[in-house]
Amino acid sequence: MKSTVLVLALALGLGACQKSTVDPQLPAPDFAVDFDKDFALHYRQQAFLPGTGSRELTIQLEDLNTTYCPEGLQCAVGPSAWPVLAITDAQGQSQQLRLPDGPQRSALGAWLDTTSIRANGRRYLLTYTVWDIDKQPEKGKMPALQDWALWFNVTKTPR
């Protein structure tokens, strides 16, 4: 009798388990882009500048500070995304840039933040223009960091 109950309990236990596959979210592929061109970075993705010739800058979206109000909730703060960038020059020297560099701007302007980067013996102007969410989350859920796209533009300043 005990063995029958044990077998029945084991069968029910195994039958109750559902096998599900979880697709790990692969990081977005790195890419090359020219100066003065808008480009989007996703979490942990890198952009190499310029798109042709020798690489002057590598910009990686290293971390992301976000606010988001899931559908159906009342929130005091609307959605926003503020990046932490790792910037590496042609000699391999890295610096971390946390935006906003100054006071936070509202999304009503033409850009969210802009700052000067010193690398390779010159200055570059980095403009953070806008953020977007590629994949809207399910109701009541927060978007994954990989679902945020942050748009930038990098300009070489005259020497």
N, C-alpha and C. Protein backbone atom coordinates (compact mmCIF):
# COMPACT_ATOMS: atom_id res chain seq x y z
N MET A 1 0.82 -1.19 0.00
CA MET A 1 0.00 0.00 0.00
C MET A 1 0.87 1.27 0.00
N LYS A 2 1.92 1.26 0.84
CA LYS A 2 2.80 2.43 0.90
C LYS A 2 3.49 2.66 -0.44
N SER A 3 3.90 1.59 -1.10
CA SER A 3 4.57 1.76 -2.39
C SER A 3 3.62 2.29 -3.45
N THR A 4 2.35 1.90 -3.41
CA THR A 4 1.36 2.40 -4.36
C THR A 4 1.14 3.90 -4.15
N VAL A 5 1.01 4.31 -2.90
CA VAL A 5 0.82 5.73 -2.59
C VAL A 5 2.06 6.53 -3.01
N LEU A 6 3.24 5.97 -2.76
CA LEU A 6 4.48 6.63 -3.13
C LEU A 6 4.58 6.81 -4.64
N VAL A 7 4.25 5.75 -5.40
CA VAL A 7 4.29 5.82 -6.87
C VAL A 7 3.27 6.83 -7.37
N LEU A 8 2.07 6.83 -6.79
CA LEU A 8 1.02 7.77 -7.19
C LEU A 8 1.45 9.22 -6.89
N ALA A 9 2.02 9.45 -5.72
CA ALA A 9 2.48 10.79 -5.36
C ALA A 9 3.61 11.25 -6.28
N LEU A 10 4.51 10.34 -6.62
CA LEU A 10 5.61 10.67 -7.53
C LEU A 10 5.07 11.01 -8.92
N ALA A 11 4.10 10.24 -9.40
CA ALA A 11 3.52 10.49 -10.72
C ALA A 11 2.80 11.83 -10.75
N LEU A 12 2.05 12.14 -9.69
CA LEU A 12 1.38 13.44 -9.62
C LEU A 12 2.39 14.58 -9.55
N GLY A 13 3.44 14.38 -8.78
CA GLY A 13 4.47 15.41 -8.67
C GLY A 13 5.16 15.69 -9.99
N LEU A 14 5.47 14.64 -10.73
CA LEU A 14 6.12 14.82 -12.03
C LEU A 14 5.15 15.40 -13.04
N GLY A 15 3.89 15.01 -12.96
CA GLY A 15 2.88 15.52 -13.88
C GLY A 15 2.60 16.99 -13.65
N ALA A 16 2.76 17.45 -12.42
CA ALA A 16 2.49 18.85 -12.10
C ALA A 16 3.59 19.78 -12.60
N CYS A 17 4.78 19.25 -12.82
CA CYS A 17 5.88 20.07 -13.30
C CYS A 17 5.66 20.41 -14.76
N GLN A 18 5.86 21.64 -15.10
CA GLN A 18 5.78 22.05 -16.49
C GLN A 18 7.17 22.44 -16.95
N LYS A 19 7.53 21.91 -18.08
CA LYS A 19 8.81 22.29 -18.65
C LYS A 19 8.59 23.55 -19.47
N SER A 20 9.34 24.56 -19.17
CA SER A 20 9.23 25.79 -19.95
C SER A 20 10.63 26.22 -20.35
N THR A 21 10.70 26.84 -21.48
CA THR A 21 11.99 27.33 -21.93
C THR A 21 12.03 28.83 -21.71
N VAL A 22 13.12 29.29 -21.19
CA VAL A 22 13.33 30.71 -21.00
C VAL A 22 14.43 31.12 -21.96
N ASP A 23 14.07 31.97 -22.88
CA ASP A 23 15.06 32.45 -23.84
C ASP A 23 15.86 33.56 -23.19
N PRO A 24 17.16 33.34 -22.99
CA PRO A 24 17.95 34.43 -22.42
C PRO A 24 18.01 35.58 -23.42
N GLN A 25 17.88 36.77 -22.91
CA GLN A 25 17.90 37.92 -23.79
C GLN A 25 19.34 38.21 -24.20
N LEU A 26 19.61 38.01 -25.48
CA LEU A 26 20.96 38.25 -25.98
C LEU A 26 21.21 39.75 -26.06
N PRO A 27 22.42 40.16 -25.76
CA PRO A 27 22.72 41.59 -25.88
C PRO A 27 22.66 42.03 -27.34
N ALA A 28 22.30 43.29 -27.53
CA ALA A 28 22.26 43.83 -28.89
C ALA A 28 23.68 43.85 -29.45
N PRO A 29 23.83 43.59 -30.75
CA PRO A 29 25.17 43.56 -31.33
C PRO A 29 25.82 44.95 -31.37
N ASP A 30 27.13 44.98 -31.20
CA ASP A 30 27.89 46.22 -31.30
C ASP A 30 27.91 46.67 -32.76
N PHE A 31 28.17 47.95 -32.99
CA PHE A 31 28.13 48.47 -34.36
C PHE A 31 29.06 49.67 -34.49
N ALA A 32 29.34 50.04 -35.73
CA ALA A 32 30.14 51.23 -36.04
C ALA A 32 29.22 52.31 -36.60
N VAL A 33 29.53 53.56 -36.27
CA VAL A 33 28.71 54.68 -36.73
C VAL A 33 29.63 55.89 -36.95
N ASP A 34 29.26 56.73 -37.88
CA ASP A 34 30.05 57.93 -38.17
C ASP A 34 29.70 59.05 -37.18
N PHE A 35 30.61 60.00 -37.06
CA PHE A 35 30.33 61.19 -36.26
C PHE A 35 29.18 61.96 -36.90
N ASP A 36 28.47 62.75 -36.10
CA ASP A 36 27.35 63.58 -36.54
C ASP A 36 26.16 62.77 -37.04
N LYS A 37 26.07 61.51 -36.67
CA LYS A 37 24.93 60.65 -37.02
C LYS A 37 24.25 60.21 -35.73
N ASP A 38 22.92 60.24 -35.72
CA ASP A 38 22.19 59.75 -34.56
C ASP A 38 22.29 58.24 -34.49
N PHE A 39 22.44 57.71 -33.27
CA PHE A 39 22.50 56.26 -33.09
C PHE A 39 21.88 55.90 -31.75
N ALA A 40 21.34 54.69 -31.67
CA ALA A 40 20.71 54.20 -30.45
C ALA A 40 21.59 53.14 -29.81
N LEU A 41 21.69 53.20 -28.50
CA LEU A 41 22.39 52.17 -27.73
C LEU A 41 21.40 51.49 -26.80
N HIS A 42 21.55 50.18 -26.69
CA HIS A 42 20.79 49.39 -25.73
C HIS A 42 21.74 49.02 -24.59
N TYR A 43 21.19 48.51 -23.52
CA TYR A 43 21.95 48.13 -22.33
C TYR A 43 23.12 47.23 -22.71
N ARG A 44 24.34 47.62 -22.31
CA ARG A 44 25.60 46.91 -22.53
C ARG A 44 26.06 46.87 -24.00
N GLN A 45 25.43 47.60 -24.87
CA GLN A 45 25.82 47.64 -26.29
C GLN A 45 26.88 48.72 -26.49
N GLN A 46 27.74 48.52 -27.51
CA GLN A 46 28.81 49.47 -27.82
C GLN A 46 28.65 50.03 -29.23
N ALA A 47 29.05 51.28 -29.39
CA ALA A 47 29.15 51.91 -30.70
C ALA A 47 30.60 52.33 -30.89
N PHE A 48 31.13 52.05 -32.08
CA PHE A 48 32.50 52.41 -32.43
C PHE A 48 32.45 53.59 -33.39
N LEU A 49 33.19 54.66 -33.08
CA LEU A 49 33.20 55.85 -33.92
C LEU A 49 34.61 56.11 -34.41
N PRO A 50 34.84 56.52 -35.63
CA PRO A 50 33.85 56.62 -36.70
C PRO A 50 33.56 55.25 -37.31
N GLY A 51 32.59 55.25 -38.23
CA GLY A 51 32.18 54.01 -38.87
C GLY A 51 33.21 53.46 -39.84
N THR A 52 34.06 54.34 -40.38
CA THR A 52 35.12 53.91 -41.29
C THR A 52 36.45 54.41 -40.77
N GLY A 53 37.52 53.77 -41.16
CA GLY A 53 38.85 54.20 -40.73
C GLY A 53 39.17 53.69 -39.33
N SER A 54 40.19 54.29 -38.73
CA SER A 54 40.62 53.83 -37.41
C SER A 54 39.64 54.33 -36.34
N ARG A 55 39.45 53.52 -35.34
CA ARG A 55 38.49 53.79 -34.27
C ARG A 55 39.03 54.87 -33.33
N GLU A 56 38.26 55.94 -33.13
CA GLU A 56 38.65 57.01 -32.21
C GLU A 56 37.99 56.85 -30.85
N LEU A 57 36.71 56.47 -30.85
CA LEU A 57 35.96 56.34 -29.61
C LEU A 57 35.14 55.06 -29.61
N THR A 58 35.01 54.47 -28.44
CA THR A 58 34.06 53.39 -28.22
C THR A 58 33.16 53.85 -27.09
N ILE A 59 31.87 53.83 -27.34
CA ILE A 59 30.90 54.26 -26.33
C ILE A 59 30.02 53.08 -25.99
N GLN A 60 29.99 52.72 -24.71
CA GLN A 60 29.17 51.60 -24.25
C GLN A 60 28.14 52.11 -23.25
N LEU A 61 26.91 51.65 -23.42
CA LEU A 61 25.87 51.92 -22.43
C LEU A 61 26.07 50.92 -21.29
N GLU A 62 26.85 51.34 -20.31
CA GLU A 62 27.30 50.47 -19.23
C GLU A 62 26.22 50.18 -18.19
N ASP A 63 25.44 51.20 -17.87
CA ASP A 63 24.36 51.03 -16.90
C ASP A 63 23.25 52.00 -17.25
N LEU A 64 22.10 51.79 -16.63
CA LEU A 64 20.93 52.56 -16.99
C LEU A 64 20.08 52.77 -15.75
N ASN A 65 19.77 54.02 -15.45
CA ASN A 65 18.87 54.37 -14.34
C ASN A 65 17.55 54.79 -14.96
N THR A 66 16.48 54.07 -14.62
CA THR A 66 15.20 54.32 -15.26
C THR A 66 14.10 54.56 -14.23
N THR A 67 13.09 55.29 -14.66
CA THR A 67 11.83 55.37 -13.94
C THR A 67 10.76 54.98 -14.94
N TYR A 68 9.74 54.29 -14.46
CA TYR A 68 8.68 53.83 -15.36
C TYR A 68 7.42 53.61 -14.52
N CYS A 69 6.30 53.99 -15.04
CA CYS A 69 5.03 53.79 -14.36
C CYS A 69 4.24 52.74 -15.14
N PRO A 70 4.13 51.52 -14.60
CA PRO A 70 3.39 50.48 -15.32
C PRO A 70 1.94 50.88 -15.57
N GLU A 71 1.40 50.38 -16.66
CA GLU A 71 0.02 50.66 -17.04
C GLU A 71 -0.92 50.28 -15.89
N GLY A 72 -1.86 51.15 -15.61
CA GLY A 72 -2.84 50.87 -14.57
C GLY A 72 -2.48 51.43 -13.20
N LEU A 73 -1.28 51.98 -13.05
CA LEU A 73 -0.87 52.56 -11.77
C LEU A 73 -0.84 54.08 -11.87
N GLN A 74 -1.02 54.74 -10.76
CA GLN A 74 -0.88 56.19 -10.68
C GLN A 74 0.50 56.48 -10.11
N CYS A 75 1.31 57.21 -10.84
CA CYS A 75 2.68 57.49 -10.40
C CYS A 75 2.92 59.00 -10.37
N ALA A 76 3.77 59.41 -9.45
CA ALA A 76 4.13 60.82 -9.35
C ALA A 76 5.21 61.20 -10.37
N VAL A 77 5.95 60.20 -10.85
CA VAL A 77 7.04 60.44 -11.79
C VAL A 77 6.78 59.64 -13.06
N GLY A 78 6.95 60.28 -14.19
CA GLY A 78 6.77 59.59 -15.46
C GLY A 78 8.02 58.83 -15.85
N PRO A 79 7.98 58.15 -16.97
CA PRO A 79 9.14 57.36 -17.39
C PRO A 79 10.31 58.25 -17.82
N SER A 80 11.50 57.78 -17.54
CA SER A 80 12.72 58.45 -18.00
C SER A 80 13.87 57.45 -17.95
N ALA A 81 14.94 57.76 -18.64
CA ALA A 81 16.12 56.89 -18.67
C ALA A 81 17.36 57.77 -18.66
N TRP A 82 18.27 57.48 -17.72
CA TRP A 82 19.51 58.24 -17.60
C TRP A 82 20.67 57.26 -17.63
N PRO A 83 21.56 57.41 -18.62
CA PRO A 83 22.62 56.43 -18.84
C PRO A 83 23.89 56.68 -18.03
N VAL A 84 24.63 55.59 -17.87
CA VAL A 84 26.02 55.64 -17.43
C VAL A 84 26.81 55.06 -18.60
N LEU A 85 27.66 55.89 -19.20
CA LEU A 85 28.41 55.49 -20.39
C LEU A 85 29.87 55.22 -20.05
N ALA A 86 30.44 54.21 -20.68
CA ALA A 86 31.88 53.97 -20.63
C ALA A 86 32.43 54.43 -21.97
N ILE A 87 33.35 55.37 -21.95
CA ILE A 87 33.91 55.93 -23.18
C ILE A 87 35.39 55.59 -23.21
N THR A 88 35.81 54.92 -24.28
CA THR A 88 37.20 54.50 -24.43
C THR A 88 37.79 55.17 -25.66
N ASP A 89 38.99 55.76 -25.52
CA ASP A 89 39.62 56.44 -26.65
C ASP A 89 40.48 55.47 -27.45
N ALA A 90 41.15 55.99 -28.47
CA ALA A 90 41.95 55.16 -29.38
C ALA A 90 43.12 54.48 -28.68
N GLN A 91 43.60 55.05 -27.57
CA GLN A 91 44.72 54.46 -26.83
C GLN A 91 44.25 53.47 -25.76
N GLY A 92 42.96 53.27 -25.64
CA GLY A 92 42.42 52.32 -24.67
C GLY A 92 42.14 52.91 -23.30
N GLN A 93 42.26 54.23 -23.16
CA GLN A 93 41.97 54.88 -21.88
C GLN A 93 40.46 55.08 -21.75
N SER A 94 39.91 54.66 -20.61
CA SER A 94 38.47 54.73 -20.40
C SER A 94 38.09 55.80 -19.40
N GLN A 95 36.90 56.32 -19.57
CA GLN A 95 36.31 57.24 -18.62
C GLN A 95 34.83 56.91 -18.50
N GLN A 96 34.27 57.19 -17.34
CA GLN A 96 32.85 56.93 -17.14
C GLN A 96 32.11 58.26 -17.15
N LEU A 97 30.99 58.27 -17.84
CA LEU A 97 30.18 59.48 -17.94
C LEU A 97 28.77 59.15 -17.47
N ARG A 98 28.34 59.84 -16.45
CA ARG A 98 27.00 59.63 -15.90
C ARG A 98 26.14 60.83 -16.31
N LEU A 99 25.03 60.55 -16.97
CA LEU A 99 24.11 61.62 -17.36
C LEU A 99 22.86 61.53 -16.49
N PRO A 100 22.26 62.61 -16.08
CA PRO A 100 22.55 63.95 -16.57
C PRO A 100 23.82 64.50 -15.95
N ASP A 101 24.54 65.24 -16.78
CA ASP A 101 25.80 65.86 -16.35
C ASP A 101 25.50 67.10 -15.50
N GLY A 102 24.39 67.73 -15.78
CA GLY A 102 23.94 68.89 -15.01
C GLY A 102 22.54 68.60 -14.50
N PRO A 103 21.75 69.64 -14.25
CA PRO A 103 20.37 69.42 -13.81
C PRO A 103 19.58 68.68 -14.89
N GLN A 104 18.65 67.82 -14.45
CA GLN A 104 17.84 67.08 -15.42
C GLN A 104 16.95 68.03 -16.20
N ARG A 105 16.83 67.73 -17.50
CA ARG A 105 15.95 68.50 -18.37
C ARG A 105 14.68 67.72 -18.59
N SER A 106 13.63 68.42 -18.89
CA SER A 106 12.39 67.74 -19.26
C SER A 106 12.51 67.26 -20.69
N ALA A 107 11.66 66.35 -21.06
CA ALA A 107 11.69 65.80 -22.42
C ALA A 107 11.09 66.77 -23.43
N LEU A 108 10.74 67.98 -23.02
CA LEU A 108 10.11 68.93 -23.93
C LEU A 108 11.11 69.61 -24.86
N GLY A 109 12.38 69.58 -24.53
CA GLY A 109 13.40 70.23 -25.35
C GLY A 109 13.81 69.38 -26.54
N ALA A 110 14.75 69.89 -27.30
CA ALA A 110 15.25 69.17 -28.47
C ALA A 110 16.22 68.07 -28.08
N TRP A 111 16.70 68.08 -26.85
CA TRP A 111 17.63 67.06 -26.36
C TRP A 111 17.49 66.95 -24.86
N LEU A 112 17.95 65.84 -24.29
CA LEU A 112 17.85 65.62 -22.85
C LEU A 112 19.08 66.10 -22.10
N ASP A 113 20.25 65.91 -22.69
CA ASP A 113 21.49 66.35 -22.05
C ASP A 113 22.58 66.41 -23.10
N THR A 114 23.55 67.26 -22.85
CA THR A 114 24.70 67.36 -23.73
C THR A 114 25.92 67.65 -22.87
N THR A 115 27.06 67.10 -23.27
CA THR A 115 28.28 67.30 -22.50
C THR A 115 29.50 67.17 -23.41
N SER A 116 30.61 67.67 -22.93
CA SER A 116 31.87 67.60 -23.66
C SER A 116 32.68 66.42 -23.15
N ILE A 117 33.30 65.70 -24.08
CA ILE A 117 34.17 64.57 -23.75
C ILE A 117 35.58 64.94 -24.19
N ARG A 118 36.55 64.73 -23.33
CA ARG A 118 37.95 64.95 -23.70
C ARG A 118 38.60 63.60 -23.90
N ALA A 119 39.06 63.36 -25.13
CA ALA A 119 39.72 62.09 -25.48
C ALA A 119 40.57 62.31 -26.71
N ASN A 120 41.63 61.52 -26.84
CA ASN A 120 42.51 61.59 -28.02
C ASN A 120 43.08 62.99 -28.23
N GLY A 121 43.28 63.75 -27.17
CA GLY A 121 43.85 65.08 -27.29
C GLY A 121 42.92 66.11 -27.89
N ARG A 122 41.62 65.83 -27.90
CA ARG A 122 40.65 66.77 -28.46
C ARG A 122 39.34 66.66 -27.70
N ARG A 123 38.39 67.48 -28.08
CA ARG A 123 37.07 67.44 -27.46
C ARG A 123 36.02 66.93 -28.46
N TYR A 124 35.06 66.25 -27.90
CA TYR A 124 33.91 65.76 -28.65
C TYR A 124 32.66 66.23 -27.91
N LEU A 125 31.61 66.52 -28.64
CA LEU A 125 30.35 66.91 -28.04
C LEU A 125 29.40 65.71 -28.13
N LEU A 126 28.96 65.21 -26.98
CA LEU A 126 28.01 64.11 -26.94
C LEU A 126 26.65 64.66 -26.56
N THR A 127 25.66 64.38 -27.38
CA THR A 127 24.29 64.82 -27.12
C THR A 127 23.41 63.60 -26.92
N TYR A 128 22.71 63.57 -25.80
CA TYR A 128 21.72 62.54 -25.49
C TYR A 128 20.37 63.12 -25.89
N THR A 129 19.80 62.59 -26.97
CA THR A 129 18.63 63.23 -27.56
C THR A 129 17.29 62.71 -27.04
N VAL A 130 17.14 61.40 -26.96
CA VAL A 130 15.83 60.85 -26.61
C VAL A 130 15.98 59.40 -26.19
N TRP A 131 15.02 58.89 -25.45
CA TRP A 131 14.97 57.46 -25.12
C TRP A 131 13.68 56.89 -25.69
N ASP A 132 13.66 55.59 -25.84
CA ASP A 132 12.48 54.90 -26.35
C ASP A 132 12.43 53.52 -25.71
N ILE A 133 11.28 52.91 -25.68
CA ILE A 133 11.13 51.54 -25.21
C ILE A 133 10.74 50.69 -26.41
N ASP A 134 11.63 49.76 -26.79
CA ASP A 134 11.41 48.94 -27.98
C ASP A 134 10.26 47.96 -27.81
N LYS A 135 10.16 47.37 -26.64
CA LYS A 135 9.16 46.33 -26.39
C LYS A 135 8.36 46.72 -25.16
N GLN A 136 7.08 47.04 -25.36
CA GLN A 136 6.25 47.43 -24.22
C GLN A 136 6.02 46.23 -23.31
N PRO A 137 6.18 46.41 -22.01
CA PRO A 137 6.01 45.30 -21.08
C PRO A 137 4.54 44.94 -20.90
N GLU A 138 4.32 43.76 -20.33
CA GLU A 138 2.96 43.35 -20.00
C GLU A 138 2.40 44.29 -18.95
N LYS A 139 1.08 44.34 -18.87
CA LYS A 139 0.42 45.23 -17.92
C LYS A 139 0.91 44.96 -16.50
N GLY A 140 1.28 46.03 -15.81
CA GLY A 140 1.75 45.93 -14.44
C GLY A 140 3.22 45.58 -14.29
N LYS A 141 3.92 45.37 -15.40
CA LYS A 141 5.34 44.98 -15.35
C LYS A 141 6.22 46.14 -15.78
N MET A 142 7.49 46.04 -15.40
CA MET A 142 8.49 47.04 -15.78
C MET A 142 9.22 46.55 -17.03
N PRO A 143 9.65 47.44 -17.92
CA PRO A 143 10.44 47.00 -19.06
C PRO A 143 11.83 46.54 -18.61
N ALA A 144 12.36 45.54 -19.29
CA ALA A 144 13.72 45.07 -19.01
C ALA A 144 14.71 46.15 -19.46
N LEU A 145 15.88 46.18 -18.86
CA LEU A 145 16.89 47.17 -19.26
C LEU A 145 17.21 47.07 -20.74
N GLN A 146 17.20 45.84 -21.29
CA GLN A 146 17.52 45.64 -22.70
C GLN A 146 16.45 46.20 -23.63
N ASP A 147 15.27 46.50 -23.10
CA ASP A 147 14.18 47.02 -23.94
C ASP A 147 14.26 48.53 -24.15
N TRP A 148 15.11 49.21 -23.40
CA TRP A 148 15.27 50.66 -23.55
C TRP A 148 16.28 50.95 -24.65
N ALA A 149 15.98 51.92 -25.50
CA ALA A 149 16.92 52.40 -26.53
C ALA A 149 17.16 53.88 -26.26
N LEU A 150 18.43 54.25 -26.12
CA LEU A 150 18.80 55.64 -25.85
C LEU A 150 19.55 56.18 -27.07
N TRP A 151 19.12 57.33 -27.54
CA TRP A 151 19.67 57.91 -28.77
C TRP A 151 20.69 59.00 -28.46
N PHE A 152 21.79 58.94 -29.20
CA PHE A 152 22.92 59.86 -29.01
C PHE A 152 23.40 60.39 -30.35
N ASN A 153 24.23 61.43 -30.27
CA ASN A 153 24.93 61.98 -31.42
C ASN A 153 26.28 62.48 -30.88
N VAL A 154 27.35 62.17 -31.60
CA VAL A 154 28.69 62.62 -31.20
C VAL A 154 29.28 63.45 -32.33
N THR A 155 29.74 64.65 -31.98
CA THR A 155 30.33 65.58 -32.94
C THR A 155 31.76 65.87 -32.52
N LYS A 156 32.67 65.89 -33.49
CA LYS A 156 34.05 66.33 -33.23
C LYS A 156 34.04 67.85 -33.17
N THR A 157 34.69 68.41 -32.17
CA THR A 157 34.80 69.86 -32.12
C THR A 157 36.12 70.26 -32.78
N PRO A 158 36.19 71.48 -33.33
CA PRO A 158 37.46 71.91 -33.94
C PRO A 158 38.56 71.93 -32.89
N ARG A 159 39.76 71.59 -33.32
CA ARG A 159 40.91 71.56 -32.38
C ARG A 159 41.22 72.90 -31.91
